[in-house]
Amino acid sequence: MSQYNPKKNGRGRELVSEQEHEAAYLMRTATVTRQKALEAIREAGPNCEKVMAYLGKK
């Protein structure tokens, strides 16, 4: 059984999760706290564009 590999299907950059390195990325790029980054992921879902739009509105 093959494992999910974001490099092969190109979807890795479109999705974000609550993992520490992804929260840190959002903290740097959107200049928000860790709490706000995690809140955005929970509220907007795993789509990176939606998360960034959510953070832009807050």
N, C-alpha and C. Protein backbone atom coordinates (compact mmCIF):
# COMPACT_ATOMS: atom_id res chain seq x y z
N MET A 1 0.84 -1.17 0.00
CA MET A 1 0.00 0.00 0.00
C MET A 1 0.89 1.24 0.00
N SER A 2 0.62 2.18 -0.86
CA SER A 2 1.46 3.37 -0.95
C SER A 2 1.01 4.41 0.06
N GLN A 3 1.97 5.21 0.52
CA GLN A 3 1.68 6.26 1.47
C GLN A 3 1.45 7.57 0.73
N TYR A 4 0.75 8.47 1.37
CA TYR A 4 0.51 9.80 0.82
C TYR A 4 1.83 10.55 0.70
N ASN A 5 2.12 11.04 -0.47
CA ASN A 5 3.34 11.78 -0.70
C ASN A 5 2.98 13.09 -1.38
N PRO A 6 2.99 14.22 -0.65
CA PRO A 6 2.58 15.50 -1.23
C PRO A 6 3.46 15.96 -2.38
N LYS A 7 4.70 15.51 -2.44
CA LYS A 7 5.58 15.91 -3.53
C LYS A 7 5.16 15.28 -4.85
N LYS A 8 4.54 14.12 -4.78
CA LYS A 8 4.14 13.45 -6.01
C LYS A 8 2.84 13.99 -6.58
N ASN A 9 1.89 14.40 -5.73
CA ASN A 9 0.63 14.86 -6.30
C ASN A 9 0.46 16.38 -6.22
N GLY A 10 1.40 17.09 -5.63
CA GLY A 10 1.37 18.54 -5.66
C GLY A 10 0.37 19.20 -4.73
N ARG A 11 -0.30 18.48 -3.86
CA ARG A 11 -1.31 19.07 -2.99
C ARG A 11 -0.75 19.52 -1.65
N GLY A 12 0.48 19.19 -1.34
CA GLY A 12 1.05 19.49 -0.04
C GLY A 12 1.06 20.96 0.31
N ARG A 13 1.27 21.81 -0.63
CA ARG A 13 1.34 23.24 -0.36
C ARG A 13 -0.04 23.88 -0.25
N GLU A 14 -1.06 23.20 -0.71
CA GLU A 14 -2.42 23.74 -0.65
C GLU A 14 -3.06 23.50 0.71
N LEU A 15 -2.56 22.54 1.46
CA LEU A 15 -3.19 22.15 2.71
C LEU A 15 -2.31 22.49 3.91
N VAL A 16 -2.95 22.84 5.01
CA VAL A 16 -2.24 23.08 6.26
C VAL A 16 -2.90 22.25 7.36
N SER A 17 -2.15 21.96 8.38
CA SER A 17 -2.68 21.22 9.51
C SER A 17 -2.26 21.92 10.79
N GLU A 18 -2.60 21.34 11.91
CA GLU A 18 -2.26 21.94 13.19
C GLU A 18 -0.89 21.49 13.69
N GLN A 19 -0.08 20.93 12.82
CA GLN A 19 1.26 20.52 13.23
C GLN A 19 2.10 21.76 13.55
N GLU A 20 3.06 21.57 14.43
CA GLU A 20 3.85 22.70 14.93
C GLU A 20 4.56 23.48 13.83
N HIS A 21 5.16 22.79 12.86
CA HIS A 21 5.88 23.52 11.80
C HIS A 21 4.94 24.31 10.91
N GLU A 22 3.71 23.83 10.74
CA GLU A 22 2.76 24.57 9.92
C GLU A 22 2.21 25.78 10.66
N ALA A 23 1.98 25.63 11.96
CA ALA A 23 1.55 26.76 12.78
C ALA A 23 2.65 27.82 12.79
N ALA A 24 3.91 27.38 12.89
CA ALA A 24 5.03 28.32 12.89
C ALA A 24 5.11 29.07 11.56
N TYR A 25 4.85 28.39 10.46
CA TYR A 25 4.85 29.03 9.14
C TYR A 25 3.78 30.13 9.10
N LEU A 26 2.58 29.81 9.58
CA LEU A 26 1.51 30.81 9.59
C LEU A 26 1.85 31.98 10.51
N MET A 27 2.48 31.68 11.63
CA MET A 27 2.87 32.74 12.56
C MET A 27 3.83 33.71 11.89
N ARG A 28 4.78 33.17 11.11
CA ARG A 28 5.77 34.02 10.42
C ARG A 28 5.13 34.80 9.27
N THR A 29 4.38 34.10 8.43
CA THR A 29 3.89 34.75 7.21
C THR A 29 2.73 35.71 7.46
N ALA A 30 1.87 35.39 8.43
CA ALA A 30 0.72 36.25 8.70
C ALA A 30 0.94 37.14 9.92
N THR A 31 2.08 37.01 10.56
CA THR A 31 2.43 37.78 11.75
C THR A 31 1.30 37.71 12.79
N VAL A 32 1.00 36.48 13.21
CA VAL A 32 -0.03 36.25 14.22
C VAL A 32 0.55 35.35 15.32
N THR A 33 -0.18 35.24 16.41
CA THR A 33 0.24 34.37 17.49
C THR A 33 -0.07 32.92 17.13
N ARG A 34 0.50 32.01 17.88
CA ARG A 34 0.25 30.58 17.65
C ARG A 34 -1.23 30.29 17.85
N GLN A 35 -1.83 30.89 18.87
CA GLN A 35 -3.25 30.68 19.15
C GLN A 35 -4.11 31.13 17.97
N LYS A 36 -3.82 32.28 17.39
CA LYS A 36 -4.58 32.77 16.23
C LYS A 36 -4.37 31.87 15.01
N ALA A 37 -3.15 31.38 14.82
CA ALA A 37 -2.88 30.49 13.69
C ALA A 37 -3.68 29.20 13.81
N LEU A 38 -3.69 28.61 15.00
CA LEU A 38 -4.44 27.37 15.21
C LEU A 38 -5.94 27.61 15.10
N GLU A 39 -6.40 28.75 15.58
CA GLU A 39 -7.82 29.10 15.48
C GLU A 39 -8.22 29.22 14.01
N ALA A 40 -7.38 29.84 13.21
CA ALA A 40 -7.67 30.01 11.79
C ALA A 40 -7.76 28.66 11.08
N ILE A 41 -6.86 27.74 11.42
CA ILE A 41 -6.90 26.41 10.79
C ILE A 41 -8.18 25.69 11.17
N ARG A 42 -8.57 25.78 12.44
CA ARG A 42 -9.79 25.11 12.89
C ARG A 42 -11.03 25.71 12.26
N GLU A 43 -11.08 27.03 12.15
CA GLU A 43 -12.26 27.72 11.63
C GLU A 43 -12.37 27.66 10.10
N ALA A 44 -11.25 27.85 9.41
CA ALA A 44 -11.28 27.93 7.95
C ALA A 44 -11.07 26.58 7.27
N GLY A 45 -10.60 25.59 8.00
CA GLY A 45 -10.33 24.29 7.40
C GLY A 45 -8.90 24.19 6.93
N PRO A 46 -8.55 23.09 6.29
CA PRO A 46 -7.16 22.84 5.93
C PRO A 46 -6.65 23.53 4.67
N ASN A 47 -7.49 24.27 3.97
CA ASN A 47 -7.08 24.94 2.74
C ASN A 47 -6.26 26.18 3.08
N CYS A 48 -5.04 26.24 2.57
CA CYS A 48 -4.11 27.33 2.90
C CYS A 48 -4.67 28.70 2.50
N GLU A 49 -5.27 28.81 1.34
CA GLU A 49 -5.82 30.08 0.89
C GLU A 49 -6.94 30.56 1.81
N LYS A 50 -7.79 29.65 2.25
CA LYS A 50 -8.89 30.01 3.15
C LYS A 50 -8.36 30.43 4.51
N VAL A 51 -7.33 29.76 4.97
CA VAL A 51 -6.73 30.11 6.26
C VAL A 51 -6.13 31.51 6.18
N MET A 52 -5.41 31.81 5.12
CA MET A 52 -4.80 33.13 4.97
C MET A 52 -5.88 34.21 4.82
N ALA A 53 -6.96 33.90 4.11
CA ALA A 53 -8.06 34.85 4.00
C ALA A 53 -8.71 35.08 5.36
N TYR A 54 -8.87 34.05 6.12
CA TYR A 54 -9.44 34.15 7.47
C TYR A 54 -8.56 35.05 8.33
N LEU A 55 -7.27 34.86 8.26
CA LEU A 55 -6.35 35.68 9.06
C LEU A 55 -6.35 37.12 8.58
N GLY A 56 -6.59 37.35 7.32
CA GLY A 56 -6.65 38.71 6.81
C GLY A 56 -7.87 39.46 7.29
N LYS A 57 -8.93 38.74 7.57
CA LYS A 57 -10.16 39.35 8.04
C LYS A 57 -10.14 39.64 9.53
N LYS A 58 -9.29 38.94 10.26
CA LYS A 58 -9.27 39.09 11.72
C LYS A 58 -8.41 40.26 12.13
